[in-house]
Amino acid sequence: MLKNEKIRNVIFILLGVLLLLIKPHYNGPFLDIIKNYLGNISISFAVYFIVSIYSNNWKMNKIITALIGY
């Protein structure tokens, strides 16, 4: 994995965690959808990029990485 890809993956992991942290403070439109689903989506997003960092070590392809992250 290239250094740029690893940096990008870490940024996306932090974005997923940030979304999870700001979820309780959201008061905009679609409040029910955000409160019910944003946590699941953001954690799945973060886990996908955590797994993708190590997927080269496991010699897995992107489809298997996506299934593990799901």
C-alpha atoms as a PDB file:
ATOM      1  CA  MET A   1       0.000   0.000   0.000  1.00  0.00           C
ATOM      2  CA  LEU A   2       1.308   3.391  -0.904  1.00  0.00           C
ATOM      3  CA  LYS A   3       1.849   6.011   1.758  1.00  0.00           C
ATOM      4  CA  ASN A   4      -0.771   8.284   0.143  1.00  0.00           C
ATOM      5  CA  GLU A   5      -3.373   5.513   0.248  1.00  0.00           C
ATOM      6  CA  LYS A   6      -2.672   4.859   3.909  1.00  0.00           C
ATOM      7  CA  ILE A   7      -3.023   8.564   4.736  1.00  0.00           C
ATOM      8  CA  ARG A   8      -6.298   8.697   2.785  1.00  0.00           C
ATOM      9  CA  ASN A   9      -7.605   5.645   4.634  1.00  0.00           C
ATOM     10  CA  VAL A  10      -6.731   7.146   8.024  1.00  0.00           C
ATOM     11  CA  ILE A  11      -8.521  10.381   7.066  1.00  0.00           C
ATOM     12  CA  PHE A  12     -11.635   8.388   6.097  1.00  0.00           C
ATOM     13  CA  ILE A  13     -11.471   6.446   9.383  1.00  0.00           C
ATOM     14  CA  LEU A  14     -11.345   9.716  11.300  1.00  0.00           C
ATOM     15  CA  LEU A  15     -14.267  11.029   9.222  1.00  0.00           C
ATOM     16  CA  GLY A  16     -16.353   7.991  10.182  1.00  0.00           C
ATOM     17  CA  VAL A  17     -15.534   8.501  13.854  1.00  0.00           C
ATOM     18  CA  LEU A  18     -16.313  12.222  13.587  1.00  0.00           C
ATOM     19  CA  LEU A  19     -19.731  11.480  12.090  1.00  0.00           C
ATOM     20  CA  LEU A  20     -20.437   9.095  14.936  1.00  0.00           C
ATOM     21  CA  LEU A  21     -19.442  11.711  17.505  1.00  0.00           C
ATOM     22  CA  ILE A  22     -21.543  14.537  16.033  1.00  0.00           C
ATOM     23  CA  LYS A  23     -24.649  12.384  15.531  1.00  0.00           C
ATOM     24  CA  PRO A  24     -26.197  13.197  18.945  1.00  0.00           C
ATOM     25  CA  HIS A  25     -25.868  16.926  18.268  1.00  0.00           C
ATOM     26  CA  TYR A  26     -27.616  16.904  14.883  1.00  0.00           C
ATOM     27  CA  ASN A  27     -30.911  18.839  14.713  1.00  0.00           C
ATOM     28  CA  GLY A  28     -31.394  19.412  10.985  1.00  0.00           C
ATOM     29  CA  PRO A  29     -33.685  17.898   8.375  1.00  0.00           C
ATOM     30  CA  PHE A  30     -34.324  14.135   8.263  1.00  0.00           C
ATOM     31  CA  LEU A  31     -33.672  13.916  11.998  1.00  0.00           C
ATOM     32  CA  ASP A  32     -35.171  10.428  12.380  1.00  0.00           C
ATOM     33  CA  ILE A  33     -33.103   8.976   9.558  1.00  0.00           C
ATOM     34  CA  ILE A  34     -29.892  10.571  10.832  1.00  0.00           C
ATOM     35  CA  LYS A  35     -30.463   9.480  14.432  1.00  0.00           C
ATOM     36  CA  ASN A  36     -31.359   5.915  13.406  1.00  0.00           C
ATOM     37  CA  TYR A  37     -28.855   5.170  10.651  1.00  0.00           C
ATOM     38  CA  LEU A  38     -25.859   7.522  10.766  1.00  0.00           C
ATOM     39  CA  GLY A  39     -24.122   5.503  13.476  1.00  0.00           C
ATOM     40  CA  ASN A  40     -24.388   2.271  11.495  1.00  0.00           C
ATOM     41  CA  ILE A  41     -23.240   3.890   8.276  1.00  0.00           C
ATOM     42  CA  SER A  42     -20.325   5.773   9.821  1.00  0.00           C
ATOM     43  CA  ILE A  43     -19.022   2.733  11.707  1.00  0.00           C
ATOM     44  CA  SER A  44     -19.298   0.540   8.603  1.00  0.00           C
ATOM     45  CA  PHE A  45     -17.464   3.258   6.672  1.00  0.00           C
ATOM     46  CA  ALA A  46     -14.661   3.399   9.249  1.00  0.00           C
ATOM     47  CA  VAL A  47     -14.363  -0.394   9.531  1.00  0.00           C
ATOM     48  CA  TYR A  48     -14.075  -0.748   5.757  1.00  0.00           C
ATOM     49  CA  PHE A  49     -11.067   1.555   5.708  1.00  0.00           C
ATOM     50  CA  ILE A  50      -9.514  -0.077   8.781  1.00  0.00           C
ATOM     51  CA  VAL A  51      -9.767  -3.458   7.089  1.00  0.00           C
ATOM     52  CA  SER A  52      -8.505  -2.051   3.787  1.00  0.00           C
ATOM     53  CA  ILE A  53      -5.295  -0.891   5.487  1.00  0.00           C
ATOM     54  CA  TYR A  54      -4.535  -4.482   6.422  1.00  0.00           C
ATOM     55  CA  SER A  55      -5.991  -6.153   3.341  1.00  0.00           C
ATOM     56  CA  ASN A  56      -2.663  -6.058   1.524  1.00  0.00           C
ATOM     57  CA  ASN A  57      -1.111  -7.981   4.405  1.00  0.00           C
ATOM     58  CA  TRP A  58      -3.875 -10.581   4.156  1.00  0.00           C
ATOM     59  CA  LYS A  59      -3.654 -10.596   0.339  1.00  0.00           C
ATOM     60  CA  MET A  60      -7.415 -10.060   0.031  1.00  0.00           C
ATOM     61  CA  ASN A  61      -9.154  -8.308  -2.787  1.00  0.00           C
ATOM     62  CA  LYS A  62     -11.516  -5.348  -2.467  1.00  0.00           C
ATOM     63  CA  ILE A  63     -14.690  -7.444  -2.609  1.00  0.00           C
ATOM     64  CA  ILE A  64     -13.666  -9.503   0.412  1.00  0.00           C
ATOM     65  CA  THR A  65     -12.598  -6.313   2.198  1.00  0.00           C
ATOM     66  CA  ALA A  66     -16.023  -4.796   1.527  1.00  0.00           C
ATOM     67  CA  LEU A  67     -17.779  -7.917   2.835  1.00  0.00           C
ATOM     68  CA  ILE A  68     -15.733  -7.867   6.046  1.00  0.00           C
ATOM     69  CA  GLY A  69     -16.480  -4.158   6.504  1.00  0.00           C
ATOM     70  CA  TYR A  70     -20.175  -4.763   5.975  1.00  0.00           C
END
